Amino acid sequence: MTDEEATRALLHMTQIWWQRELPDSTLGVWKREIAPRDFETVMATINTLGREHDFWPSFAQFAKVYVELAPQLSTPRNLEFIEHADGSVTRIVDGVTVN
């Protein structure tokens, strides 16, 4: 997503979870976390979390919902497969390990 889209996503998060003001440094960490991801999927993730949680989500909660929604809403920009010696495969979608 673009820098402007990342800023819009953060603004949307602060409007949903308005009860607690976060420091700029924390918002910066969140911006770096969401910036490499797909904007539409990030917004859908925020909306889903906003319906399910009264307070600001953790990175783990965000990543879990994002990964669940990503295949439904968009084709990931970065899809990696890592094959292991035991025959198992790890799938990474936009930098988030799926399995």
N, C-alpha and C. Protein backbone atom coordinates (compact mmCIF):
# COMPACT_ATOMS: atom_id res chain seq x y z
N MET A 1 0.83 -1.18 0.00
CA MET A 1 0.00 0.00 0.00
C MET A 1 0.88 1.24 0.00
N THR A 2 0.29 2.34 -0.34
CA THR A 2 1.04 3.59 -0.34
C THR A 2 1.12 4.14 1.08
N ASP A 3 1.99 5.13 1.27
CA ASP A 3 2.12 5.78 2.57
C ASP A 3 0.80 6.43 2.97
N GLU A 4 0.14 7.06 2.02
CA GLU A 4 -1.15 7.70 2.29
C GLU A 4 -2.20 6.67 2.72
N GLU A 5 -2.21 5.52 2.06
CA GLU A 5 -3.16 4.46 2.43
C GLU A 5 -2.87 3.94 3.84
N ALA A 6 -1.59 3.78 4.17
CA ALA A 6 -1.22 3.32 5.52
C ALA A 6 -1.69 4.33 6.57
N THR A 7 -1.53 5.61 6.27
CA THR A 7 -2.00 6.66 7.18
C THR A 7 -3.51 6.60 7.33
N ARG A 8 -4.23 6.39 6.23
CA ARG A 8 -5.69 6.28 6.28
C ARG A 8 -6.12 5.07 7.12
N ALA A 9 -5.41 3.96 6.97
CA ALA A 9 -5.73 2.75 7.75
C ALA A 9 -5.53 3.01 9.24
N LEU A 10 -4.43 3.67 9.59
CA LEU A 10 -4.18 4.00 11.00
C LEU A 10 -5.24 4.96 11.55
N LEU A 11 -5.63 5.93 10.76
CA LEU A 11 -6.67 6.86 11.18
C LEU A 11 -7.96 6.09 11.45
N HIS A 12 -8.28 5.14 10.58
CA HIS A 12 -9.48 4.32 10.76
C HIS A 12 -9.39 3.53 12.07
N MET A 13 -8.20 2.98 12.36
CA MET A 13 -8.02 2.24 13.61
C MET A 13 -8.22 3.15 14.82
N THR A 14 -7.68 4.36 14.77
CA THR A 14 -7.83 5.27 15.92
C THR A 14 -9.27 5.72 16.09
N GLN A 15 -10.04 5.70 15.02
CA GLN A 15 -11.46 6.06 15.13
C GLN A 15 -12.28 4.92 15.72
N ILE A 16 -11.91 3.69 15.40
CA ILE A 16 -12.63 2.53 15.95
C ILE A 16 -12.29 2.34 17.42
N TRP A 17 -11.01 2.38 17.73
CA TRP A 17 -10.55 2.16 19.11
C TRP A 17 -10.09 3.49 19.70
N TRP A 18 -11.03 4.37 19.93
CA TRP A 18 -10.75 5.74 20.35
C TRP A 18 -10.53 5.86 21.85
N GLN A 19 -10.82 4.81 22.61
CA GLN A 19 -10.78 4.90 24.07
C GLN A 19 -9.38 5.18 24.62
N ARG A 20 -8.37 4.82 23.88
CA ARG A 20 -7.00 4.98 24.38
C ARG A 20 -6.13 5.63 23.31
N GLU A 21 -5.51 6.73 23.67
CA GLU A 21 -4.62 7.41 22.73
C GLU A 21 -3.25 6.73 22.76
N LEU A 22 -2.77 6.38 21.59
CA LEU A 22 -1.47 5.72 21.49
C LEU A 22 -0.38 6.74 21.16
N PRO A 23 0.83 6.54 21.67
CA PRO A 23 1.94 7.44 21.34
C PRO A 23 2.28 7.35 19.85
N ASP A 24 2.82 8.42 19.32
CA ASP A 24 3.22 8.45 17.90
C ASP A 24 4.18 7.31 17.57
N SER A 25 5.06 6.97 18.50
CA SER A 25 6.03 5.90 18.23
C SER A 25 5.32 4.56 18.04
N THR A 26 4.27 4.32 18.81
CA THR A 26 3.50 3.08 18.66
C THR A 26 2.75 3.07 17.34
N LEU A 27 2.19 4.21 16.97
CA LEU A 27 1.52 4.30 15.67
C LEU A 27 2.51 4.08 14.53
N GLY A 28 3.75 4.53 14.71
CA GLY A 28 4.79 4.31 13.71
C GLY A 28 5.11 2.83 13.54
N VAL A 29 5.14 2.12 14.65
CA VAL A 29 5.37 0.66 14.59
C VAL A 29 4.23 0.00 13.84
N TRP A 30 3.02 0.39 14.13
CA TRP A 30 1.87 -0.18 13.42
C TRP A 30 1.93 0.15 11.93
N LYS A 31 2.32 1.36 11.62
CA LYS A 31 2.39 1.76 10.20
C LYS A 31 3.40 0.88 9.46
N ARG A 32 4.55 0.62 10.09
CA ARG A 32 5.55 -0.26 9.46
C ARG A 32 5.01 -1.69 9.34
N GLU A 33 4.20 -2.11 10.27
CA GLU A 33 3.62 -3.46 10.24
C GLU A 33 2.62 -3.63 9.10
N ILE A 34 1.79 -2.62 8.87
CA ILE A 34 0.75 -2.76 7.85
C ILE A 34 1.18 -2.30 6.46
N ALA A 35 2.20 -1.48 6.37
CA ALA A 35 2.60 -0.88 5.08
C ALA A 35 2.86 -1.89 3.96
N PRO A 36 3.50 -3.04 4.22
CA PRO A 36 3.77 -3.96 3.11
C PRO A 36 2.54 -4.76 2.66
N ARG A 37 1.44 -4.60 3.33
CA ARG A 37 0.26 -5.42 3.05
C ARG A 37 -0.69 -4.75 2.06
N ASP A 38 -1.66 -5.51 1.62
CA ASP A 38 -2.67 -5.03 0.68
C ASP A 38 -3.66 -4.11 1.41
N PHE A 39 -3.91 -2.93 0.88
CA PHE A 39 -4.75 -1.93 1.54
C PHE A 39 -6.17 -2.43 1.78
N GLU A 40 -6.81 -2.98 0.76
CA GLU A 40 -8.20 -3.44 0.91
C GLU A 40 -8.31 -4.52 1.98
N THR A 41 -7.35 -5.43 2.00
CA THR A 41 -7.37 -6.50 2.99
C THR A 41 -7.11 -5.95 4.39
N VAL A 42 -6.22 -4.97 4.51
CA VAL A 42 -5.97 -4.33 5.80
C VAL A 42 -7.24 -3.66 6.31
N MET A 43 -7.95 -2.94 5.44
CA MET A 43 -9.17 -2.27 5.87
C MET A 43 -10.24 -3.29 6.29
N ALA A 44 -10.35 -4.38 5.55
CA ALA A 44 -11.31 -5.43 5.92
C ALA A 44 -10.92 -6.06 7.26
N THR A 45 -9.62 -6.22 7.47
CA THR A 45 -9.13 -6.76 8.74
C THR A 45 -9.48 -5.83 9.89
N ILE A 46 -9.24 -4.55 9.72
CA ILE A 46 -9.57 -3.56 10.75
C ILE A 46 -11.06 -3.59 11.06
N ASN A 47 -11.89 -3.63 10.02
CA ASN A 47 -13.34 -3.65 10.23
C ASN A 47 -13.78 -4.91 10.97
N THR A 48 -13.20 -6.05 10.61
CA THR A 48 -13.53 -7.31 11.28
C THR A 48 -13.14 -7.24 12.75
N LEU A 49 -11.92 -6.80 13.01
CA LEU A 49 -11.46 -6.69 14.40
C LEU A 49 -12.29 -5.67 15.19
N GLY A 50 -12.71 -4.61 14.53
CA GLY A 50 -13.53 -3.60 15.19
C GLY A 50 -14.88 -4.13 15.63
N ARG A 51 -15.42 -5.09 14.89
CA ARG A 51 -16.69 -5.72 15.28
C ARG A 51 -16.50 -6.73 16.40
N GLU A 52 -15.28 -7.27 16.52
CA GLU A 52 -15.03 -8.36 17.47
C GLU A 52 -14.34 -7.92 18.76
N HIS A 53 -13.63 -6.79 18.74
CA HIS A 53 -12.82 -6.38 19.89
C HIS A 53 -13.12 -4.94 20.28
N ASP A 54 -13.24 -4.74 21.59
CA ASP A 54 -13.48 -3.38 22.11
C ASP A 54 -12.22 -2.55 22.21
N PHE A 55 -11.07 -3.22 22.21
CA PHE A 55 -9.80 -2.51 22.39
C PHE A 55 -8.84 -2.83 21.26
N TRP A 56 -7.83 -1.98 21.12
CA TRP A 56 -6.82 -2.09 20.08
C TRP A 56 -6.26 -3.52 20.04
N PRO A 57 -6.18 -4.13 18.85
CA PRO A 57 -5.71 -5.52 18.76
C PRO A 57 -4.19 -5.62 18.88
N SER A 58 -3.73 -6.83 19.14
CA SER A 58 -2.30 -7.11 19.11
C SER A 58 -1.89 -7.37 17.67
N PHE A 59 -0.58 -7.36 17.42
CA PHE A 59 -0.09 -7.72 16.08
C PHE A 59 -0.54 -9.13 15.72
N ALA A 60 -0.51 -10.04 16.70
CA ALA A 60 -0.90 -11.44 16.44
C ALA A 60 -2.36 -11.53 16.02
N GLN A 61 -3.24 -10.81 16.71
CA GLN A 61 -4.65 -10.81 16.33
C GLN A 61 -4.83 -10.25 14.93
N PHE A 62 -4.15 -9.15 14.66
CA PHE A 62 -4.24 -8.52 13.35
C PHE A 62 -3.77 -9.49 12.25
N ALA A 63 -2.61 -10.10 12.46
CA ALA A 63 -2.04 -11.00 11.44
C ALA A 63 -2.94 -12.20 11.20
N LYS A 64 -3.53 -12.75 12.25
CA LYS A 64 -4.40 -13.92 12.10
C LYS A 64 -5.61 -13.59 11.23
N VAL A 65 -6.26 -12.48 11.50
CA VAL A 65 -7.44 -12.09 10.71
C VAL A 65 -7.02 -11.72 9.29
N TYR A 66 -5.91 -11.01 9.15
CA TYR A 66 -5.42 -10.63 7.83
C TYR A 66 -5.20 -11.87 6.95
N VAL A 67 -4.54 -12.86 7.51
CA VAL A 67 -4.24 -14.08 6.74
C VAL A 67 -5.53 -14.82 6.38
N GLU A 68 -6.51 -14.79 7.27
CA GLU A 68 -7.79 -15.44 6.97
C GLU A 68 -8.52 -14.72 5.84
N LEU A 69 -8.42 -13.40 5.79
CA LEU A 69 -9.13 -12.62 4.78
C LEU A 69 -8.38 -12.47 3.47
N ALA A 70 -7.07 -12.50 3.50
CA ALA A 70 -6.26 -12.22 2.30
C ALA A 70 -6.64 -13.09 1.10
N PRO A 71 -6.76 -14.41 1.25
CA PRO A 71 -7.09 -15.21 0.07
C PRO A 71 -8.48 -14.91 -0.48
N GLN A 72 -9.39 -14.45 0.36
CA GLN A 72 -10.75 -14.16 -0.07
C GLN A 72 -10.85 -12.83 -0.82
N LEU A 73 -10.01 -11.87 -0.45
CA LEU A 73 -10.16 -10.52 -0.97
C LEU A 73 -9.18 -10.12 -2.05
N SER A 74 -8.00 -10.73 -2.04
CA SER A 74 -6.99 -10.28 -2.99
C SER A 74 -5.96 -11.37 -3.22
N THR A 75 -5.25 -11.19 -4.29
CA THR A 75 -4.11 -12.07 -4.54
C THR A 75 -2.93 -11.46 -3.80
N PRO A 76 -2.28 -12.23 -2.93
CA PRO A 76 -1.14 -11.67 -2.19
C PRO A 76 -0.05 -11.18 -3.12
N ARG A 77 0.60 -10.10 -2.73
CA ARG A 77 1.71 -9.60 -3.52
C ARG A 77 2.95 -10.44 -3.31
N ASN A 78 3.12 -10.96 -2.11
CA ASN A 78 4.31 -11.74 -1.78
C ASN A 78 3.86 -13.09 -1.23
N LEU A 79 4.02 -14.11 -2.02
CA LEU A 79 3.65 -15.46 -1.62
C LEU A 79 4.90 -16.33 -1.71
N GLU A 80 5.27 -16.92 -0.59
CA GLU A 80 6.47 -17.76 -0.55
C GLU A 80 6.11 -19.13 -0.01
N PHE A 81 6.83 -20.14 -0.50
CA PHE A 81 6.70 -21.49 0.02
C PHE A 81 8.09 -21.95 0.43
N ILE A 82 8.17 -22.49 1.65
CA ILE A 82 9.43 -23.03 2.12
C ILE A 82 9.22 -24.52 2.36
N GLU A 83 9.94 -25.33 1.59
CA GLU A 83 9.84 -26.78 1.75
C GLU A 83 10.88 -27.24 2.75
N HIS A 84 10.44 -28.08 3.70
CA HIS A 84 11.31 -28.58 4.75
C HIS A 84 11.74 -30.01 4.45
N ALA A 85 12.81 -30.45 5.07
CA ALA A 85 13.36 -31.79 4.84
C ALA A 85 12.35 -32.89 5.14
N ASP A 86 11.45 -32.65 6.09
CA ASP A 86 10.46 -33.68 6.46
C ASP A 86 9.27 -33.72 5.50
N GLY A 87 9.30 -32.89 4.45
CA GLY A 87 8.24 -32.88 3.45
C GLY A 87 7.16 -31.85 3.70
N SER A 88 7.18 -31.22 4.86
CA SER A 88 6.17 -30.20 5.15
C SER A 88 6.52 -28.91 4.40
N VAL A 89 5.51 -28.07 4.25
CA VAL A 89 5.68 -26.81 3.53
C VAL A 89 5.13 -25.69 4.40
N THR A 90 5.89 -24.61 4.52
CA THR A 90 5.43 -23.41 5.20
C THR A 90 5.05 -22.40 4.14
N ARG A 91 3.87 -21.83 4.28
CA ARG A 91 3.39 -20.82 3.34
C ARG A 91 3.45 -19.47 4.03
N ILE A 92 4.04 -18.48 3.36
CA ILE A 92 4.15 -17.13 3.90
C ILE A 92 3.43 -16.19 2.93
N VAL A 93 2.44 -15.47 3.45
CA VAL A 93 1.63 -14.54 2.64
C VAL A 93 1.90 -13.13 3.12
N ASP A 94 2.44 -12.31 2.24
CA ASP A 94 2.76 -10.91 2.57
C ASP A 94 3.54 -10.80 3.87
N GLY A 95 4.50 -11.70 4.07
CA GLY A 95 5.38 -11.65 5.23
C GLY A 95 4.83 -12.29 6.49
N VAL A 96 3.63 -12.88 6.41
CA VAL A 96 3.01 -13.51 7.58
C VAL A 96 2.95 -15.02 7.35
N THR A 97 3.49 -15.79 8.28
CA THR A 97 3.45 -17.25 8.18
C THR A 97 2.02 -17.72 8.37
N VAL A 98 1.54 -18.50 7.41
CA VAL A 98 0.15 -18.96 7.43
C VAL A 98 0.01 -20.27 8.18
N ASN A 99 0.96 -21.17 8.03
CA ASN A 99 0.83 -22.46 8.71
C ASN A 99 2.08 -22.81 9.45
